[in-house]
Amino acid sequence: MNNDNLKLILYSKPGCHLCEGLEEKLDQIIGLAFELEIRDITTQQEWMNAYQYEIPVLFCISPGADTAIAIPRFSPRAPIAQVERVLRRYI
């Protein structure tokens, strides 16, 4: 990972339409550099226990930071520009 980029971690699971919608919005952001890691909660019991009723859950790790910070949940209707504005607060 480039240390100048934001890292995002999306906890998701197959067939989750809200997760897919957020991933699509993140893929369409062009004004912000970040690495996106998608974690399928069905692959680890710890993730399943923590997030099964909360997905999609998005965390960010700012450049130079070691700790992931939870990003407040986006409305499914949030426009891409709003998602980008919120992400910029974490840089």
PDB file of N, CA and C in Angstrom:
ATOM      1  N   MET A   1       0.835  -1.181   0.000  1.00  0.00           N
ATOM      2  CA  MET A   1       0.000   0.000   0.000  1.00  0.00           C
ATOM      3  C   MET A   1       0.874   1.237   0.000  1.00  0.00           C
ATOM      4  N   ASN A   2       0.509   2.210  -0.801  1.00  0.00           N
ATOM      5  CA  ASN A   2       1.175   3.495  -0.811  1.00  0.00           C
ATOM      6  C   ASN A   2       0.840   4.202   0.498  1.00  0.00           C
ATOM      7  N   ASN A   3       1.844   4.649   1.246  1.00  0.00           N
ATOM      8  CA  ASN A   3       1.612   5.268   2.542  1.00  0.00           C
ATOM      9  C   ASN A   3       0.880   6.595   2.445  1.00  0.00           C
ATOM     10  N   ASP A   4       0.768   7.166   1.249  1.00  0.00           N
ATOM     11  CA  ASP A   4       0.066   8.427   1.078  1.00  0.00           C
ATOM     12  C   ASP A   4      -1.427   8.214   0.865  1.00  0.00           C
ATOM     13  N   ASN A   5      -1.870   6.980   0.730  1.00  0.00           N
ATOM     14  CA  ASN A   5      -3.266   6.700   0.441  1.00  0.00           C
ATOM     15  C   ASN A   5      -4.031   6.263   1.673  1.00  0.00           C
ATOM     16  N   LEU A   6      -5.283   6.609   1.647  1.00  0.00           N
ATOM     17  CA  LEU A   6      -6.229   6.141   2.638  1.00  0.00           C
ATOM     18  C   LEU A   6      -6.507   4.670   2.373  1.00  0.00           C
ATOM     19  N   LYS A   7      -6.663   3.878   3.419  1.00  0.00           N
ATOM     20  CA  LYS A   7      -7.046   2.481   3.252  1.00  0.00           C
ATOM     21  C   LYS A   7      -8.445   2.313   3.821  1.00  0.00           C
ATOM     22  N   LEU A   8      -9.316   1.698   3.049  1.00  0.00           N
ATOM     23  CA  LEU A   8     -10.676   1.425   3.485  1.00  0.00           C
ATOM     24  C   LEU A   8     -10.864  -0.074   3.606  1.00  0.00           C
ATOM     25  N   ILE A   9     -11.566  -0.480   4.647  1.00  0.00           N
ATOM     26  CA  ILE A   9     -11.896  -1.886   4.850  1.00  0.00           C
ATOM     27  C   ILE A   9     -13.415  -1.979   4.901  1.00  0.00           C
ATOM     28  N   LEU A  10     -13.981  -2.726   3.979  1.00  0.00           N
ATOM     29  CA  LEU A  10     -15.427  -2.900   3.895  1.00  0.00           C
ATOM     30  C   LEU A  10     -15.782  -4.314   4.320  1.00  0.00           C
ATOM     31  N   TYR A  11     -16.522  -4.426   5.419  1.00  0.00           N
ATOM     32  CA  TYR A  11     -17.024  -5.724   5.860  1.00  0.00           C
ATOM     33  C   TYR A  11     -18.351  -5.950   5.156  1.00  0.00           C
ATOM     34  N   SER A  12     -18.437  -7.083   4.469  1.00  0.00           N
ATOM     35  CA  SER A  12     -19.540  -7.356   3.567  1.00  0.00           C
ATOM     36  C   SER A  12     -19.834  -8.841   3.568  1.00  0.00           C
ATOM     37  N   LYS A  13     -20.837  -9.242   2.806  1.00  0.00           N
ATOM     38  CA  LYS A  13     -21.054 -10.666   2.558  1.00  0.00           C
ATOM     39  C   LYS A  13     -21.741 -10.809   1.211  1.00  0.00           C
ATOM     40  N   PRO A  14     -21.573 -11.950   0.568  1.00  0.00           N
ATOM     41  CA  PRO A  14     -22.187 -12.177  -0.733  1.00  0.00           C
ATOM     42  C   PRO A  14     -23.705 -12.019  -0.657  1.00  0.00           C
ATOM     43  N   GLY A  15     -24.259 -11.368  -1.669  1.00  0.00           N
ATOM     44  CA  GLY A  15     -25.703 -11.204  -1.759  1.00  0.00           C
ATOM     45  C   GLY A  15     -26.259 -10.031  -0.980  1.00  0.00           C
ATOM     46  N   CYS A  16     -25.425  -9.263  -0.316  1.00  0.00           N
ATOM     47  CA  CYS A  16     -25.875  -8.091   0.438  1.00  0.00           C
ATOM     48  C   CYS A  16     -25.984  -6.910  -0.519  1.00  0.00           C
ATOM     49  N   HIS A  17     -27.199  -6.500  -0.810  1.00  0.00           N
ATOM     50  CA  HIS A  17     -27.408  -5.412  -1.777  1.00  0.00           C
ATOM     51  C   HIS A  17     -26.896  -4.067  -1.256  1.00  0.00           C
ATOM     52  N   LEU A  18     -26.998  -3.843   0.049  1.00  0.00           N
ATOM     53  CA  LEU A  18     -26.472  -2.600   0.606  1.00  0.00           C
ATOM     54  C   LEU A  18     -24.951  -2.560   0.478  1.00  0.00           C
ATOM     55  N   CYS A  19     -24.320  -3.708   0.710  1.00  0.00           N
ATOM     56  CA  CYS A  19     -22.861  -3.801   0.581  1.00  0.00           C
ATOM     57  C   CYS A  19     -22.431  -3.556  -0.864  1.00  0.00           C
ATOM     58  N   GLU A  20     -23.131  -4.188  -1.783  1.00  0.00           N
ATOM     59  CA  GLU A  20     -22.819  -4.033  -3.197  1.00  0.00           C
ATOM     60  C   GLU A  20     -22.996  -2.582  -3.633  1.00  0.00           C
ATOM     61  N   GLY A  21     -24.048  -1.927  -3.131  1.00  0.00           N
ATOM     62  CA  GLY A  21     -24.284  -0.530  -3.477  1.00  0.00           C
ATOM     63  C   GLY A  21     -23.178   0.374  -2.985  1.00  0.00           C
ATOM     64  N   LEU A  22     -22.729   0.158  -1.754  1.00  0.00           N
ATOM     65  CA  LEU A  22     -21.640   0.978  -1.220  1.00  0.00           C
ATOM     66  C   LEU A  22     -20.344   0.705  -1.969  1.00  0.00           C
ATOM     67  N   GLU A  23     -20.075  -0.546  -2.281  1.00  0.00           N
ATOM     68  CA  GLU A  23     -18.865  -0.872  -3.040  1.00  0.00           C
ATOM     69  C   GLU A  23     -18.879  -0.185  -4.408  1.00  0.00           C
ATOM     70  N   GLU A  24     -20.019  -0.182  -5.070  1.00  0.00           N
ATOM     71  CA  GLU A  24     -20.130   0.489  -6.371  1.00  0.00           C
ATOM     72  C   GLU A  24     -19.842   1.980  -6.244  1.00  0.00           C
ATOM     73  N   LYS A  25     -20.369   2.607  -5.199  1.00  0.00           N
ATOM     74  CA  LYS A  25     -20.105   4.037  -4.995  1.00  0.00           C
ATOM     75  C   LYS A  25     -18.623   4.285  -4.745  1.00  0.00           C
ATOM     76  N   LEU A  26     -18.017   3.449  -3.922  1.00  0.00           N
ATOM     77  CA  LEU A  26     -16.587   3.609  -3.650  1.00  0.00           C
ATOM     78  C   LEU A  26     -15.769   3.449  -4.929  1.00  0.00           C
ATOM     79  N   ASP A  27     -16.173   2.518  -5.777  1.00  0.00           N
ATOM     80  CA  ASP A  27     -15.470   2.295  -7.047  1.00  0.00           C
ATOM     81  C   ASP A  27     -15.575   3.495  -7.981  1.00  0.00           C
ATOM     82  N   GLN A  28     -16.604   4.303  -7.819  1.00  0.00           N
ATOM     83  CA  GLN A  28     -16.832   5.437  -8.713  1.00  0.00           C
ATOM     84  C   GLN A  28     -16.187   6.736  -8.240  1.00  0.00           C
ATOM     85  N   ILE A  29     -15.623   6.725  -7.051  1.00  0.00           N
ATOM     86  CA  ILE A  29     -14.946   7.926  -6.546  1.00  0.00           C
ATOM     87  C   ILE A  29     -13.624   8.083  -7.277  1.00  0.00           C
ATOM     88  N   ILE A  30     -13.464   9.202  -7.957  1.00  0.00           N
ATOM     89  CA  ILE A  30     -12.230   9.419  -8.720  1.00  0.00           C
ATOM     90  C   ILE A  30     -11.357  10.524  -8.127  1.00  0.00           C
ATOM     91  N   GLY A  31     -11.916  11.332  -7.222  1.00  0.00           N
ATOM     92  CA  GLY A  31     -11.168  12.457  -6.689  1.00  0.00           C
ATOM     93  C   GLY A  31     -10.397  12.155  -5.420  1.00  0.00           C
ATOM     94  N   LEU A  32     -10.312  10.897  -5.052  1.00  0.00           N
ATOM     95  CA  LEU A  32      -9.660  10.520  -3.802  1.00  0.00           C
ATOM     96  C   LEU A  32      -8.947   9.188  -3.997  1.00  0.00           C
ATOM     97  N   ALA A  33      -7.674   9.147  -3.623  1.00  0.00           N
ATOM     98  CA  ALA A  33      -6.912   7.905  -3.759  1.00  0.00           C
ATOM     99  C   ALA A  33      -7.060   7.081  -2.487  1.00  0.00           C
ATOM    100  N   PHE A  34      -7.435   5.832  -2.655  1.00  0.00           N
ATOM    101  CA  PHE A  34      -7.519   4.925  -1.518  1.00  0.00           C
ATOM    102  C   PHE A  34      -7.412   3.495  -1.999  1.00  0.00           C
ATOM    103  N   GLU A  35      -7.038   2.640  -1.059  1.00  0.00           N
ATOM    104  CA  GLU A  35      -7.000   1.199  -1.295  1.00  0.00           C
ATOM    105  C   GLU A  35      -8.231   0.627  -0.607  1.00  0.00           C
ATOM    106  N   LEU A  36      -8.987  -0.197  -1.313  1.00  0.00           N
ATOM    107  CA  LEU A  36     -10.183  -0.809  -0.753  1.00  0.00           C
ATOM    108  C   LEU A  36      -9.947  -2.294  -0.546  1.00  0.00           C
ATOM    109  N   GLU A  37     -10.128  -2.729   0.704  1.00  0.00           N
ATOM    110  CA  GLU A  37     -10.046  -4.150   1.042  1.00  0.00           C
ATOM    111  C   GLU A  37     -11.449  -4.598   1.432  1.00  0.00           C
ATOM    112  N   ILE A  38     -11.961  -5.608   0.766  1.00  0.00           N
ATOM    113  CA  ILE A  38     -13.282  -6.124   1.080  1.00  0.00           C
ATOM    114  C   ILE A  38     -13.112  -7.405   1.878  1.00  0.00           C
ATOM    115  N   ARG A  39     -13.747  -7.448   3.043  1.00  0.00           N
ATOM    116  CA  ARG A  39     -13.663  -8.613   3.912  1.00  0.00           C
ATOM    117  C   ARG A  39     -15.036  -9.281   3.979  1.00  0.00           C
ATOM    118  N   ASP A  40     -15.096 -10.497   3.516  1.00  0.00           N
ATOM    119  CA  ASP A  40     -16.316 -11.293   3.529  1.00  0.00           C
ATOM    120  C   ASP A  40     -16.507 -11.849   4.938  1.00  0.00           C
ATOM    121  N   ILE A  41     -17.550 -11.377   5.623  1.00  0.00           N
ATOM    122  CA  ILE A  41     -17.734 -11.783   7.018  1.00  0.00           C
ATOM    123  C   ILE A  41     -18.054 -13.264   7.171  1.00  0.00           C
ATOM    124  N   THR A  42     -18.453 -13.907   6.080  1.00  0.00           N
ATOM    125  CA  THR A  42     -18.765 -15.340   6.179  1.00  0.00           C
ATOM    126  C   THR A  42     -17.511 -16.205   6.231  1.00  0.00           C
ATOM    127  N   THR A  43     -16.336 -15.589   6.049  1.00  0.00           N
ATOM    128  CA  THR A  43     -15.091 -16.359   6.047  1.00  0.00           C
ATOM    129  C   THR A  43     -14.430 -16.437   7.416  1.00  0.00           C
ATOM    130  N   GLN A  44     -14.881 -15.609   8.368  1.00  0.00           N
ATOM    131  CA  GLN A  44     -14.294 -15.644   9.712  1.00  0.00           C
ATOM    132  C   GLN A  44     -15.398 -15.448  10.751  1.00  0.00           C
ATOM    133  N   GLN A  45     -15.476 -16.353  11.682  1.00  0.00           N
ATOM    134  CA  GLN A  45     -16.526 -16.307  12.693  1.00  0.00           C
ATOM    135  C   GLN A  45     -16.495 -15.008  13.499  1.00  0.00           C
ATOM    136  N   GLU A  46     -15.303 -14.521  13.794  1.00  0.00           N
ATOM    137  CA  GLU A  46     -15.173 -13.270  14.550  1.00  0.00           C
ATOM    138  C   GLU A  46     -15.865 -12.115  13.826  1.00  0.00           C
ATOM    139  N   TRP A  47     -15.642 -12.016  12.512  1.00  0.00           N
ATOM    140  CA  TRP A  47     -16.290 -10.966  11.728  1.00  0.00           C
ATOM    141  C   TRP A  47     -17.798 -11.182  11.674  1.00  0.00           C
ATOM    142  N   MET A  48     -18.206 -12.424  11.516  1.00  0.00           N
ATOM    143  CA  MET A  48     -19.636 -12.738  11.463  1.00  0.00           C
ATOM    144  C   MET A  48     -20.320 -12.317  12.764  1.00  0.00           C
ATOM    145  N   ASN A  49     -19.714 -12.672  13.884  1.00  0.00           N
ATOM    146  CA  ASN A  49     -20.293 -12.310  15.184  1.00  0.00           C
ATOM    147  C   ASN A  49     -20.386 -10.795  15.355  1.00  0.00           C
ATOM    148  N   ALA A  50     -19.382 -10.080  14.900  1.00  0.00           N
ATOM    149  CA  ALA A  50     -19.327  -8.639  15.105  1.00  0.00           C
ATOM    150  C   ALA A  50     -20.242  -7.857  14.157  1.00  0.00           C
ATOM    151  N   TYR A  51     -20.379  -8.320  12.915  1.00  0.00           N
ATOM    152  CA  TYR A  51     -21.004  -7.468  11.892  1.00  0.00           C
ATOM    153  C   TYR A  51     -22.223  -8.060  11.181  1.00  0.00           C
ATOM    154  N   GLN A  52     -22.660  -9.251  11.555  1.00  0.00           N
ATOM    155  CA  GLN A  52     -23.720  -9.896  10.787  1.00  0.00           C
ATOM    156  C   GLN A  52     -25.000  -9.067  10.684  1.00  0.00           C
ATOM    157  N   TYR A  53     -25.289  -8.243  11.682  1.00  0.00           N
ATOM    158  CA  TYR A  53     -26.501  -7.424  11.648  1.00  0.00           C
ATOM    159  C   TYR A  53     -26.222  -5.972  11.298  1.00  0.00           C
ATOM    160  N   GLU A  54     -24.976  -5.657  10.997  1.00  0.00           N
ATOM    161  CA  GLU A  54     -24.576  -4.271  10.776  1.00  0.00           C
ATOM    162  C   GLU A  54     -24.098  -3.962   9.354  1.00  0.00           C
ATOM    163  N   ILE A  55     -23.805  -4.981   8.552  1.00  0.00           N
ATOM    164  CA  ILE A  55     -23.179  -4.726   7.256  1.00  0.00           C
ATOM    165  C   ILE A  55     -24.064  -3.865   6.366  1.00  0.00           C
ATOM    166  N   PRO A  56     -23.453  -3.059   5.506  1.00  0.00           N
ATOM    167  CA  PRO A  56     -22.017  -2.893   5.318  1.00  0.00           C
ATOM    168  C   PRO A  56     -21.396  -2.042   6.427  1.00  0.00           C
ATOM    169  N   VAL A  57     -20.210  -2.424   6.823  1.00  0.00           N
ATOM    170  CA  VAL A  57     -19.450  -1.674   7.822  1.00  0.00           C
ATOM    171  C   VAL A  57     -18.153  -1.247   7.152  1.00  0.00           C
ATOM    172  N   LEU A  58     -17.859   0.041   7.247  1.00  0.00           N
ATOM    173  CA  LEU A  58     -16.685   0.598   6.589  1.00  0.00           C
ATOM    174  C   LEU A  58     -15.755   1.191   7.635  1.00  0.00           C
ATOM    175  N   PHE A  59     -14.487   0.821   7.558  1.00  0.00           N
ATOM    176  CA  PHE A  59     -13.443   1.368   8.416  1.00  0.00           C
ATOM    177  C   PHE A  59     -12.407   2.046   7.529  1.00  0.00           C
ATOM    178  N   CYS A  60     -11.697   3.005   8.090  1.00  0.00           N
ATOM    179  CA  CYS A  60     -10.599   3.619   7.348  1.00  0.00           C
ATOM    180  C   CYS A  60      -9.359   3.648   8.207  1.00  0.00           C
ATOM    181  N   ILE A  61      -8.243   3.585   7.525  1.00  0.00           N
ATOM    182  CA  ILE A  61      -6.940   3.765   8.155  1.00  0.00           C
ATOM    183  C   ILE A  61      -6.287   4.918   7.404  1.00  0.00           C
ATOM    184  N   SER A  62      -6.118   6.028   8.095  1.00  0.00           N
ATOM    185  CA  SER A  62      -5.532   7.214   7.480  1.00  0.00           C
ATOM    186  C   SER A  62      -4.054   7.002   7.209  1.00  0.00           C
ATOM    187  N   PRO A  63      -3.504   7.731   6.240  1.00  0.00           N
ATOM    188  CA  PRO A  63      -2.074   7.609   5.963  1.00  0.00           C
ATOM    189  C   PRO A  63      -1.249   7.844   7.228  1.00  0.00           C
ATOM    190  N   GLY A  64      -0.347   6.927   7.508  1.00  0.00           N
ATOM    191  CA  GLY A  64       0.528   7.029   8.659  1.00  0.00           C
ATOM    192  C   GLY A  64      -0.077   6.511   9.958  1.00  0.00           C
ATOM    193  N   ALA A  65      -1.346   6.151   9.949  1.00  0.00           N
ATOM    194  CA  ALA A  65      -2.004   5.661  11.167  1.00  0.00           C
ATOM    195  C   ALA A  65      -1.980   4.137  11.188  1.00  0.00           C
ATOM    196  N   ASP A  66      -2.089   3.575  12.385  1.00  0.00           N
ATOM    197  CA  ASP A  66      -2.117   2.128  12.544  1.00  0.00           C
ATOM    198  C   ASP A  66      -3.487   1.614  12.966  1.00  0.00           C
ATOM    199  N   THR A  67      -4.361   2.522  13.384  1.00  0.00           N
ATOM    200  CA  THR A  67      -5.654   2.136  13.927  1.00  0.00           C
ATOM    201  C   THR A  67      -6.770   2.414  12.926  1.00  0.00           C
ATOM    202  N   ALA A  68      -7.654   1.445  12.760  1.00  0.00           N
ATOM    203  CA  ALA A  68      -8.817   1.610  11.890  1.00  0.00           C
ATOM    204  C   ALA A  68      -9.912   2.347  12.647  1.00  0.00           C
ATOM    205  N   ILE A  69     -10.549   3.278  11.965  1.00  0.00           N
ATOM    206  CA  ILE A  69     -11.625   4.075  12.545  1.00  0.00           C
ATOM    207  C   ILE A  69     -12.905   3.760  11.787  1.00  0.00           C
ATOM    208  N   ALA A  70     -13.982   3.502  12.517  1.00  0.00           N
ATOM    209  CA  ALA A  70     -15.266   3.223  11.884  1.00  0.00           C
ATOM    210  C   ALA A  70     -15.835   4.504  11.271  1.00  0.00           C
ATOM    211  N   ILE A  71     -16.315   4.382  10.057  1.00  0.00           N
ATOM    212  CA  ILE A  71     -16.968   5.495   9.380  1.00  0.00           C
ATOM    213  C   ILE A  71     -18.468   5.321   9.586  1.00  0.00           C
ATOM    214  N   PRO A  72     -19.162   6.394   9.960  1.00  0.00           N
ATOM    215  CA  PRO A  72     -20.609   6.274  10.149  1.00  0.00           C
ATOM    216  C   PRO A  72     -21.288   5.710   8.896  1.00  0.00           C
ATOM    217  N   ARG A  73     -22.318   4.941   9.121  1.00  0.00           N
ATOM    218  CA  ARG A  73     -23.022   4.272   8.029  1.00  0.00           C
ATOM    219  C   ARG A  73     -23.656   5.284   7.079  1.00  0.00           C
ATOM    220  N   PHE A  74     -23.483   5.026   5.793  1.00  0.00           N
ATOM    221  CA  PHE A  74     -24.068   5.875   4.759  1.00  0.00           C
ATOM    222  C   PHE A  74     -25.496   5.433   4.475  1.00  0.00           C
ATOM    223  N   SER A  75     -26.338   6.389   4.142  1.00  0.00           N
ATOM    224  CA  SER A  75     -27.662   6.057   3.641  1.00  0.00           C
ATOM    225  C   SER A  75     -27.494   5.394   2.281  1.00  0.00           C
ATOM    226  N   PRO A  76     -28.307   4.396   1.955  1.00  0.00           N
ATOM    227  CA  PRO A  76     -28.219   3.793   0.628  1.00  0.00           C
ATOM    228  C   PRO A  76     -28.463   4.812  -0.491  1.00  0.00           C
ATOM    229  N   ARG A  77     -29.116   5.903  -0.151  1.00  0.00           N
ATOM    230  CA  ARG A  77     -29.405   6.954  -1.145  1.00  0.00           C
ATOM    231  C   ARG A  77     -28.338   8.043  -1.196  1.00  0.00           C
ATOM    232  N   ALA A  78     -27.305   7.935  -0.383  1.00  0.00           N
ATOM    233  CA  ALA A  78     -26.251   8.958  -0.362  1.00  0.00           C
ATOM    234  C   ALA A  78     -25.576   9.030  -1.729  1.00  0.00           C
ATOM    235  N   PRO A  79     -25.468  10.233  -2.292  1.00  0.00           N
ATOM    236  CA  PRO A  79     -24.772  10.362  -3.568  1.00  0.00           C
ATOM    237  C   PRO A  79     -23.271  10.145  -3.419  1.00  0.00           C
ATOM    238  N   ILE A  80     -22.631   9.811  -4.508  1.00  0.00           N
ATOM    239  CA  ILE A  80     -21.189   9.548  -4.502  1.00  0.00           C
ATOM    240  C   ILE A  80     -20.418  10.740  -3.939  1.00  0.00           C
ATOM    241  N   ALA A  81     -20.832  11.960  -4.291  1.00  0.00           N
ATOM    242  CA  ALA A  81     -20.135  13.155  -3.807  1.00  0.00           C
ATOM    243  C   ALA A  81     -20.177  13.237  -2.280  1.00  0.00           C
ATOM    244  N   GLN A  82     -21.274  12.854  -1.676  1.00  0.00           N
ATOM    245  CA  GLN A  82     -21.378  12.872  -0.217  1.00  0.00           C
ATOM    246  C   GLN A  82     -20.460  11.819   0.405  1.00  0.00           C
ATOM    247  N   VAL A  83     -20.408  10.643  -0.185  1.00  0.00           N
ATOM    248  CA  VAL A  83     -19.525   9.593   0.307  1.00  0.00           C
ATOM    249  C   VAL A  83     -18.081  10.087   0.256  1.00  0.00           C
ATOM    250  N   GLU A  84     -17.705  10.714  -0.840  1.00  0.00           N
ATOM    251  CA  GLU A  84     -16.342  11.235  -0.969  1.00  0.00           C
ATOM    252  C   GLU A  84     -16.063  12.316   0.075  1.00  0.00           C
ATOM    253  N   ARG A  85     -17.009  13.222   0.298  1.00  0.00           N
ATOM    254  CA  ARG A  85     -16.813  14.286   1.308  1.00  0.00           C
ATOM    255  C   ARG A  85     -16.581  13.689   2.694  1.00  0.00           C
ATOM    256  N   VAL A  86     -17.344  12.678   3.047  1.00  0.00           N
ATOM    257  CA  VAL A  86     -17.179  12.047   4.358  1.00  0.00           C
ATOM    258  C   VAL A  86     -15.805  11.385   4.444  1.00  0.00           C
ATOM    259  N   LEU A  87     -15.386  10.686   3.403  1.00  0.00           N
ATOM    260  CA  LEU A  87     -14.083  10.023   3.417  1.00  0.00           C
ATOM    261  C   LEU A  87     -12.951  11.038   3.576  1.00  0.00           C
ATOM    262  N   ARG A  88     -13.086  12.202   2.980  1.00  0.00           N
ATOM    263  CA  ARG A  88     -12.038  13.228   3.068  1.00  0.00           C
ATOM    264  C   ARG A  88     -11.822  13.680   4.505  1.00  0.00           C
ATOM    265  N   ARG A  89     -12.821  13.593   5.350  1.00  0.00           N
ATOM    266  CA  ARG A  89     -12.665  13.973   6.753  1.00  0.00           C
ATOM    267  C   ARG A  89     -11.693  13.074   7.500  1.00  0.00           C
ATOM    268  N   TYR A  90     -11.446  11.894   6.947  1.00  0.00           N
ATOM    269  CA  TYR A  90     -10.610  10.910   7.636  1.00  0.00           C
ATOM    270  C   TYR A  90      -9.164  10.897   7.145  1.00  0.00           C
ATOM    271  N   ILE A  91      -8.835  11.795   6.260  1.00  0.00           N
ATOM    272  CA  ILE A  91      -7.472  11.863   5.746  1.00  0.00           C
ATOM    273  C   ILE A  91      -6.626  12.735   6.647  1.00  0.00           C
TER     274      ILE A  91
END
